[in-house]
Amino acid sequence: MTEKIKGPASYFPSIEAKYGRPVAEWQEMIRARSGMKHMELVAWLKQEHGLGHGHANALVAATLKPAGK
């Protein structure tokens, strides 16, 4: 039996399908904008790349999440 994916990662398949970039590429772009706060990054993804709020928030949350959590 396969365990269901929970949390921000549950959005990843639809993000890749809708916006045409792999999640790793989005995360690389987010990390390149160091110094920006969570909601600033969400706003940037929405304004510059046309992501919806939920998708942008999921990417930022997963990218900024401390290791092991």
PDB file of N, CA and C in Angstrom:
ATOM      1  N   MET A   1       0.837  -1.177   0.000  1.00  0.00           N
ATOM      2  CA  MET A   1       0.000   0.000   0.000  1.00  0.00           C
ATOM      3  C   MET A   1       0.889   1.250   0.000  1.00  0.00           C
ATOM      4  N   THR A   2       0.558   2.224  -0.834  1.00  0.00           N
ATOM      5  CA  THR A   2       1.335   3.450  -0.932  1.00  0.00           C
ATOM      6  C   THR A   2       0.784   4.482   0.033  1.00  0.00           C
ATOM      7  N   GLU A   3       1.696   5.126   0.778  1.00  0.00           N
ATOM      8  CA  GLU A   3       1.284   6.159   1.715  1.00  0.00           C
ATOM      9  C   GLU A   3       0.977   7.442   0.956  1.00  0.00           C
ATOM     10  N   LYS A   4      -0.126   8.084   1.301  1.00  0.00           N
ATOM     11  CA  LYS A   4      -0.541   9.314   0.638  1.00  0.00           C
ATOM     12  C   LYS A   4       0.387  10.460   1.034  1.00  0.00           C
ATOM     13  N   ILE A   5       0.785  11.261   0.045  1.00  0.00           N
ATOM     14  CA  ILE A   5       1.648  12.408   0.290  1.00  0.00           C
ATOM     15  C   ILE A   5       0.823  13.494   0.950  1.00  0.00           C
ATOM     16  N   LYS A   6       1.387  14.099   1.993  1.00  0.00           N
ATOM     17  CA  LYS A   6       0.694  15.149   2.742  1.00  0.00           C
ATOM     18  C   LYS A   6       1.503  16.435   2.712  1.00  0.00           C
ATOM     19  N   GLY A   7       0.883  17.506   3.113  1.00  0.00           N
ATOM     20  CA  GLY A   7       1.560  18.789   3.231  1.00  0.00           C
ATOM     21  C   GLY A   7       1.847  19.421   1.877  1.00  0.00           C
ATOM     22  N   PRO A   8       2.801  20.362   1.852  1.00  0.00           N
ATOM     23  CA  PRO A   8       3.101  21.093   0.620  1.00  0.00           C
ATOM     24  C   PRO A   8       3.445  20.197  -0.569  1.00  0.00           C
ATOM     25  N   ALA A   9       4.096  19.077  -0.314  1.00  0.00           N
ATOM     26  CA  ALA A   9       4.504  18.187  -1.404  1.00  0.00           C
ATOM     27  C   ALA A   9       3.309  17.609  -2.158  1.00  0.00           C
ATOM     28  N   SER A  10       2.137  17.612  -1.539  1.00  0.00           N
ATOM     29  CA  SER A  10       0.955  17.092  -2.227  1.00  0.00           C
ATOM     30  C   SER A  10       0.578  17.955  -3.431  1.00  0.00           C
ATOM     31  N   TYR A  11       1.057  19.192  -3.470  1.00  0.00           N
ATOM     32  CA  TYR A  11       0.795  20.099  -4.586  1.00  0.00           C
ATOM     33  C   TYR A  11       1.770  19.908  -5.750  1.00  0.00           C
ATOM     34  N   PHE A  12       2.880  19.252  -5.524  1.00  0.00           N
ATOM     35  CA  PHE A  12       3.956  19.206  -6.518  1.00  0.00           C
ATOM     36  C   PHE A  12       3.548  18.651  -7.885  1.00  0.00           C
ATOM     37  N   PRO A  13       2.815  17.546  -7.951  1.00  0.00           N
ATOM     38  CA  PRO A  13       2.443  17.050  -9.290  1.00  0.00           C
ATOM     39  C   PRO A  13       1.626  18.071 -10.091  1.00  0.00           C
ATOM     40  N   SER A  14       0.690  18.737  -9.439  1.00  0.00           N
ATOM     41  CA  SER A  14      -0.126  19.714 -10.172  1.00  0.00           C
ATOM     42  C   SER A  14       0.666  20.962 -10.516  1.00  0.00           C
ATOM     43  N   ILE A  15       1.628  21.348  -9.682  1.00  0.00           N
ATOM     44  CA  ILE A  15       2.485  22.502  -9.989  1.00  0.00           C
ATOM     45  C   ILE A  15       3.304  22.206 -11.241  1.00  0.00           C
ATOM     46  N   GLU A  16       3.908  21.032 -11.297  1.00  0.00           N
ATOM     47  CA  GLU A  16       4.720  20.672 -12.462  1.00  0.00           C
ATOM     48  C   GLU A  16       3.862  20.599 -13.722  1.00  0.00           C
ATOM     49  N   ALA A  17       2.670  20.037 -13.614  1.00  0.00           N
ATOM     50  CA  ALA A  17       1.794  19.906 -14.779  1.00  0.00           C
ATOM     51  C   ALA A  17       1.287  21.264 -15.261  1.00  0.00           C
ATOM     52  N   LYS A  18       0.917  22.125 -14.338  1.00  0.00           N
ATOM     53  CA  LYS A  18       0.307  23.406 -14.714  1.00  0.00           C
ATOM     54  C   LYS A  18       1.320  24.432 -15.207  1.00  0.00           C
ATOM     55  N   TYR A  19       2.505  24.475 -14.590  1.00  0.00           N
ATOM     56  CA  TYR A  19       3.466  25.538 -14.896  1.00  0.00           C
ATOM     57  C   TYR A  19       4.662  25.074 -15.719  1.00  0.00           C
ATOM     58  N   GLY A  20       4.772  23.758 -15.965  1.00  0.00           N
ATOM     59  CA  GLY A  20       5.762  23.234 -16.893  1.00  0.00           C
ATOM     60  C   GLY A  20       7.209  23.239 -16.442  1.00  0.00           C
ATOM     61  N   ARG A  21       7.440  23.388 -15.161  1.00  0.00           N
ATOM     62  CA  ARG A  21       8.809  23.331 -14.627  1.00  0.00           C
ATOM     63  C   ARG A  21       8.841  22.312 -13.493  1.00  0.00           C
ATOM     64  N   PRO A  22       9.953  21.608 -13.348  1.00  0.00           N
ATOM     65  CA  PRO A  22      10.059  20.679 -12.215  1.00  0.00           C
ATOM     66  C   PRO A  22      10.167  21.453 -10.897  1.00  0.00           C
ATOM     67  N   VAL A  23       9.706  20.841  -9.835  1.00  0.00           N
ATOM     68  CA  VAL A  23       9.742  21.473  -8.513  1.00  0.00           C
ATOM     69  C   VAL A  23      11.168  21.881  -8.139  1.00  0.00           C
ATOM     70  N   ALA A  24      12.146  21.050  -8.487  1.00  0.00           N
ATOM     71  CA  ALA A  24      13.542  21.367  -8.159  1.00  0.00           C
ATOM     72  C   ALA A  24      13.966  22.707  -8.768  1.00  0.00           C
ATOM     73  N   GLU A  25      13.481  22.996  -9.963  1.00  0.00           N
ATOM     74  CA  GLU A  25      13.809  24.272 -10.609  1.00  0.00           C
ATOM     75  C   GLU A  25      13.163  25.442  -9.860  1.00  0.00           C
ATOM     76  N   TRP A  26      11.903  25.280  -9.467  1.00  0.00           N
ATOM     77  CA  TRP A  26      11.243  26.327  -8.679  1.00  0.00           C
ATOM     78  C   TRP A  26      11.992  26.556  -7.368  1.00  0.00           C
ATOM     79  N   GLN A  27      12.392  25.470  -6.715  1.00  0.00           N
ATOM     80  CA  GLN A  27      13.092  25.597  -5.437  1.00  0.00           C
ATOM     81  C   GLN A  27      14.442  26.278  -5.605  1.00  0.00           C
ATOM     82  N   GLU A  28      15.129  25.998  -6.686  1.00  0.00           N
ATOM     83  CA  GLU A  28      16.400  26.655  -6.977  1.00  0.00           C
ATOM     84  C   GLU A  28      16.186  28.166  -7.148  1.00  0.00           C
ATOM     85  N   MET A  29      15.132  28.536  -7.839  1.00  0.00           N
ATOM     86  CA  MET A  29      14.814  29.952  -8.040  1.00  0.00           C
ATOM     87  C   MET A  29      14.488  30.633  -6.709  1.00  0.00           C
ATOM     88  N   ILE A  30      13.765  29.938  -5.843  1.00  0.00           N
ATOM     89  CA  ILE A  30      13.411  30.488  -4.528  1.00  0.00           C
ATOM     90  C   ILE A  30      14.670  30.673  -3.685  1.00  0.00           C
ATOM     91  N   ARG A  31      15.536  29.671  -3.666  1.00  0.00           N
ATOM     92  CA  ARG A  31      16.776  29.765  -2.873  1.00  0.00           C
ATOM     93  C   ARG A  31      17.691  30.886  -3.365  1.00  0.00           C
ATOM     94  N   ALA A  32      17.632  31.189  -4.654  1.00  0.00           N
ATOM     95  CA  ALA A  32      18.465  32.247  -5.229  1.00  0.00           C
ATOM     96  C   ALA A  32      18.036  33.630  -4.739  1.00  0.00           C
ATOM     97  N   ARG A  33      16.852  33.736  -4.186  1.00  0.00           N
ATOM     98  CA  ARG A  33      16.344  35.009  -3.693  1.00  0.00           C
ATOM     99  C   ARG A  33      16.470  35.059  -2.172  1.00  0.00           C
ATOM    100  N   SER A  34      17.628  34.696  -1.673  1.00  0.00           N
ATOM    101  CA  SER A  34      17.857  34.668  -0.230  1.00  0.00           C
ATOM    102  C   SER A  34      17.633  36.053   0.361  1.00  0.00           C
ATOM    103  N   GLY A  35      17.187  36.077   1.580  1.00  0.00           N
ATOM    104  CA  GLY A  35      16.928  37.337   2.258  1.00  0.00           C
ATOM    105  C   GLY A  35      15.473  37.771   2.183  1.00  0.00           C
ATOM    106  N   MET A  36      14.715  37.170   1.275  1.00  0.00           N
ATOM    107  CA  MET A  36      13.292  37.503   1.179  1.00  0.00           C
ATOM    108  C   MET A  36      12.509  36.657   2.178  1.00  0.00           C
ATOM    109  N   LYS A  37      11.476  37.250   2.730  1.00  0.00           N
ATOM    110  CA  LYS A  37      10.616  36.540   3.670  1.00  0.00           C
ATOM    111  C   LYS A  37       9.614  35.674   2.908  1.00  0.00           C
ATOM    112  N   HIS A  38       9.013  34.751   3.653  1.00  0.00           N
ATOM    113  CA  HIS A  38       8.077  33.786   3.078  1.00  0.00           C
ATOM    114  C   HIS A  38       7.033  34.464   2.183  1.00  0.00           C
ATOM    115  N   MET A  39       6.295  35.410   2.716  1.00  0.00           N
ATOM    116  CA  MET A  39       5.214  36.028   1.943  1.00  0.00           C
ATOM    117  C   MET A  39       5.741  36.905   0.811  1.00  0.00           C
ATOM    118  N   GLU A  40       6.940  37.418   0.936  1.00  0.00           N
ATOM    119  CA  GLU A  40       7.556  38.156  -0.174  1.00  0.00           C
ATOM    120  C   GLU A  40       7.835  37.200  -1.336  1.00  0.00           C
ATOM    121  N   LEU A  41       8.310  36.015  -1.015  1.00  0.00           N
ATOM    122  CA  LEU A  41       8.566  35.006  -2.044  1.00  0.00           C
ATOM    123  C   LEU A  41       7.267  34.542  -2.695  1.00  0.00           C
ATOM    124  N   VAL A  42       6.229  34.367  -1.902  1.00  0.00           N
ATOM    125  CA  VAL A  42       4.928  33.977  -2.441  1.00  0.00           C
ATOM    126  C   VAL A  42       4.442  35.048  -3.419  1.00  0.00           C
ATOM    127  N   ALA A  43       4.521  36.311  -3.001  1.00  0.00           N
ATOM    128  CA  ALA A  43       4.086  37.414  -3.865  1.00  0.00           C
ATOM    129  C   ALA A  43       4.912  37.463  -5.148  1.00  0.00           C
ATOM    130  N   TRP A  44       6.213  37.242  -5.045  1.00  0.00           N
ATOM    131  CA  TRP A  44       7.095  37.241  -6.216  1.00  0.00           C
ATOM    132  C   TRP A  44       6.694  36.142  -7.199  1.00  0.00           C
ATOM    133  N   LEU A  45       6.452  34.935  -6.696  1.00  0.00           N
ATOM    134  CA  LEU A  45       6.048  33.828  -7.569  1.00  0.00           C
ATOM    135  C   LEU A  45       4.716  34.126  -8.253  1.00  0.00           C
ATOM    136  N   LYS A  46       3.800  34.741  -7.526  1.00  0.00           N
ATOM    137  CA  LYS A  46       2.498  35.080  -8.094  1.00  0.00           C
ATOM    138  C   LYS A  46       2.622  36.172  -9.157  1.00  0.00           C
ATOM    139  N   GLN A  47       3.352  37.220  -8.838  1.00  0.00           N
ATOM    140  CA  GLN A  47       3.457  38.368  -9.743  1.00  0.00           C
ATOM    141  C   GLN A  47       4.331  38.087 -10.955  1.00  0.00           C
ATOM    142  N   GLU A  48       5.486  37.494 -10.733  1.00  0.00           N
ATOM    143  CA  GLU A  48       6.454  37.312 -11.821  1.00  0.00           C
ATOM    144  C   GLU A  48       6.244  36.044 -12.636  1.00  0.00           C
ATOM    145  N   HIS A  49       5.636  35.029 -12.019  1.00  0.00           N
ATOM    146  CA  HIS A  49       5.521  33.738 -12.691  1.00  0.00           C
ATOM    147  C   HIS A  49       4.091  33.234 -12.836  1.00  0.00           C
ATOM    148  N   GLY A  50       3.128  33.995 -12.326  1.00  0.00           N
ATOM    149  CA  GLY A  50       1.724  33.654 -12.512  1.00  0.00           C
ATOM    150  C   GLY A  50       1.216  32.466 -11.714  1.00  0.00           C
ATOM    151  N   LEU A  51       1.911  32.084 -10.656  1.00  0.00           N
ATOM    152  CA  LEU A  51       1.449  30.973  -9.837  1.00  0.00           C
ATOM    153  C   LEU A  51       0.258  31.414  -8.995  1.00  0.00           C
ATOM    154  N   GLY A  52      -0.612  30.460  -8.701  1.00  0.00           N
ATOM    155  CA  GLY A  52      -1.696  30.711  -7.774  1.00  0.00           C
ATOM    156  C   GLY A  52      -1.145  30.766  -6.355  1.00  0.00           C
ATOM    157  N   HIS A  53      -1.916  31.329  -5.449  1.00  0.00           N
ATOM    158  CA  HIS A  53      -1.443  31.501  -4.078  1.00  0.00           C
ATOM    159  C   HIS A  53      -1.087  30.168  -3.411  1.00  0.00           C
ATOM    160  N   GLY A  54      -1.960  29.179  -3.531  1.00  0.00           N
ATOM    161  CA  GLY A  54      -1.703  27.884  -2.888  1.00  0.00           C
ATOM    162  C   GLY A  54      -0.451  27.206  -3.413  1.00  0.00           C
ATOM    163  N   HIS A  55      -0.252  27.252  -4.722  1.00  0.00           N
ATOM    164  CA  HIS A  55       0.943  26.646  -5.311  1.00  0.00           C
ATOM    165  C   HIS A  55       2.199  27.390  -4.891  1.00  0.00           C
ATOM    166  N   ALA A  56       2.155  28.707  -4.921  1.00  0.00           N
ATOM    167  CA  ALA A  56       3.321  29.505  -4.516  1.00  0.00           C
ATOM    168  C   ALA A  56       3.645  29.259  -3.048  1.00  0.00           C
ATOM    169  N   ASN A  57       2.634  29.253  -2.209  1.00  0.00           N
ATOM    170  CA  ASN A  57       2.836  29.039  -0.781  1.00  0.00           C
ATOM    171  C   ASN A  57       3.418  27.651  -0.510  1.00  0.00           C
ATOM    172  N   ALA A  58       2.935  26.636  -1.212  1.00  0.00           N
ATOM    173  CA  ALA A  58       3.434  25.269  -1.024  1.00  0.00           C
ATOM    174  C   ALA A  58       4.905  25.174  -1.410  1.00  0.00           C
ATOM    175  N   LEU A  59       5.274  25.781  -2.520  1.00  0.00           N
ATOM    176  CA  LEU A  59       6.682  25.754  -2.949  1.00  0.00           C
ATOM    177  C   LEU A  59       7.584  26.441  -1.941  1.00  0.00           C
ATOM    178  N   VAL A  60       7.178  27.618  -1.485  1.00  0.00           N
ATOM    179  CA  VAL A  60       8.006  28.366  -0.525  1.00  0.00           C
ATOM    180  C   VAL A  60       8.103  27.605   0.790  1.00  0.00           C
ATOM    181  N   ALA A  61       6.990  27.102   1.280  1.00  0.00           N
ATOM    182  CA  ALA A  61       6.999  26.364   2.549  1.00  0.00           C
ATOM    183  C   ALA A  61       7.918  25.150   2.482  1.00  0.00           C
ATOM    184  N   ALA A  62       7.835  24.392   1.400  1.00  0.00           N
ATOM    185  CA  ALA A  62       8.662  23.194   1.266  1.00  0.00           C
ATOM    186  C   ALA A  62      10.135  23.558   1.100  1.00  0.00           C
ATOM    187  N   THR A  63      10.404  24.655   0.423  1.00  0.00           N
ATOM    188  CA  THR A  63      11.787  25.062   0.168  1.00  0.00           C
ATOM    189  C   THR A  63      12.445  25.610   1.432  1.00  0.00           C
ATOM    190  N   LEU A  64      11.718  26.375   2.207  1.00  0.00           N
ATOM    191  CA  LEU A  64      12.286  27.006   3.405  1.00  0.00           C
ATOM    192  C   LEU A  64      12.216  26.145   4.644  1.00  0.00           C
ATOM    193  N   LYS A  65      11.513  25.024   4.554  1.00  0.00           N
ATOM    194  CA  LYS A  65      11.348  24.131   5.712  1.00  0.00           C
ATOM    195  C   LYS A  65      12.710  23.622   6.184  1.00  0.00           C
ATOM    196  N   PRO A  66      12.988  23.742   7.480  1.00  0.00           N
ATOM    197  CA  PRO A  66      14.247  23.226   7.998  1.00  0.00           C
ATOM    198  C   PRO A  66      14.379  21.721   7.765  1.00  0.00           C
ATOM    199  N   ALA A  67      15.578  21.264   7.534  1.00  0.00           N
ATOM    200  CA  ALA A  67      15.832  19.835   7.290  1.00  0.00           C
ATOM    201  C   ALA A  67      15.360  19.005   8.470  1.00  0.00           C
ATOM    202  N   GLY A  68      14.764  17.871   8.161  1.00  0.00           N
ATOM    203  CA  GLY A  68      14.317  16.960   9.212  1.00  0.00           C
ATOM    204  C   GLY A  68      12.945  17.272   9.775  1.00  0.00           C
ATOM    205  N   LYS A  69      12.265  18.260   9.244  1.00  0.00           N
ATOM    206  CA  LYS A  69      10.924  18.599   9.770  1.00  0.00           C
ATOM    207  C   LYS A  69       9.879  18.339   8.755  1.00  0.00           C
TER     208      LYS A  69
END
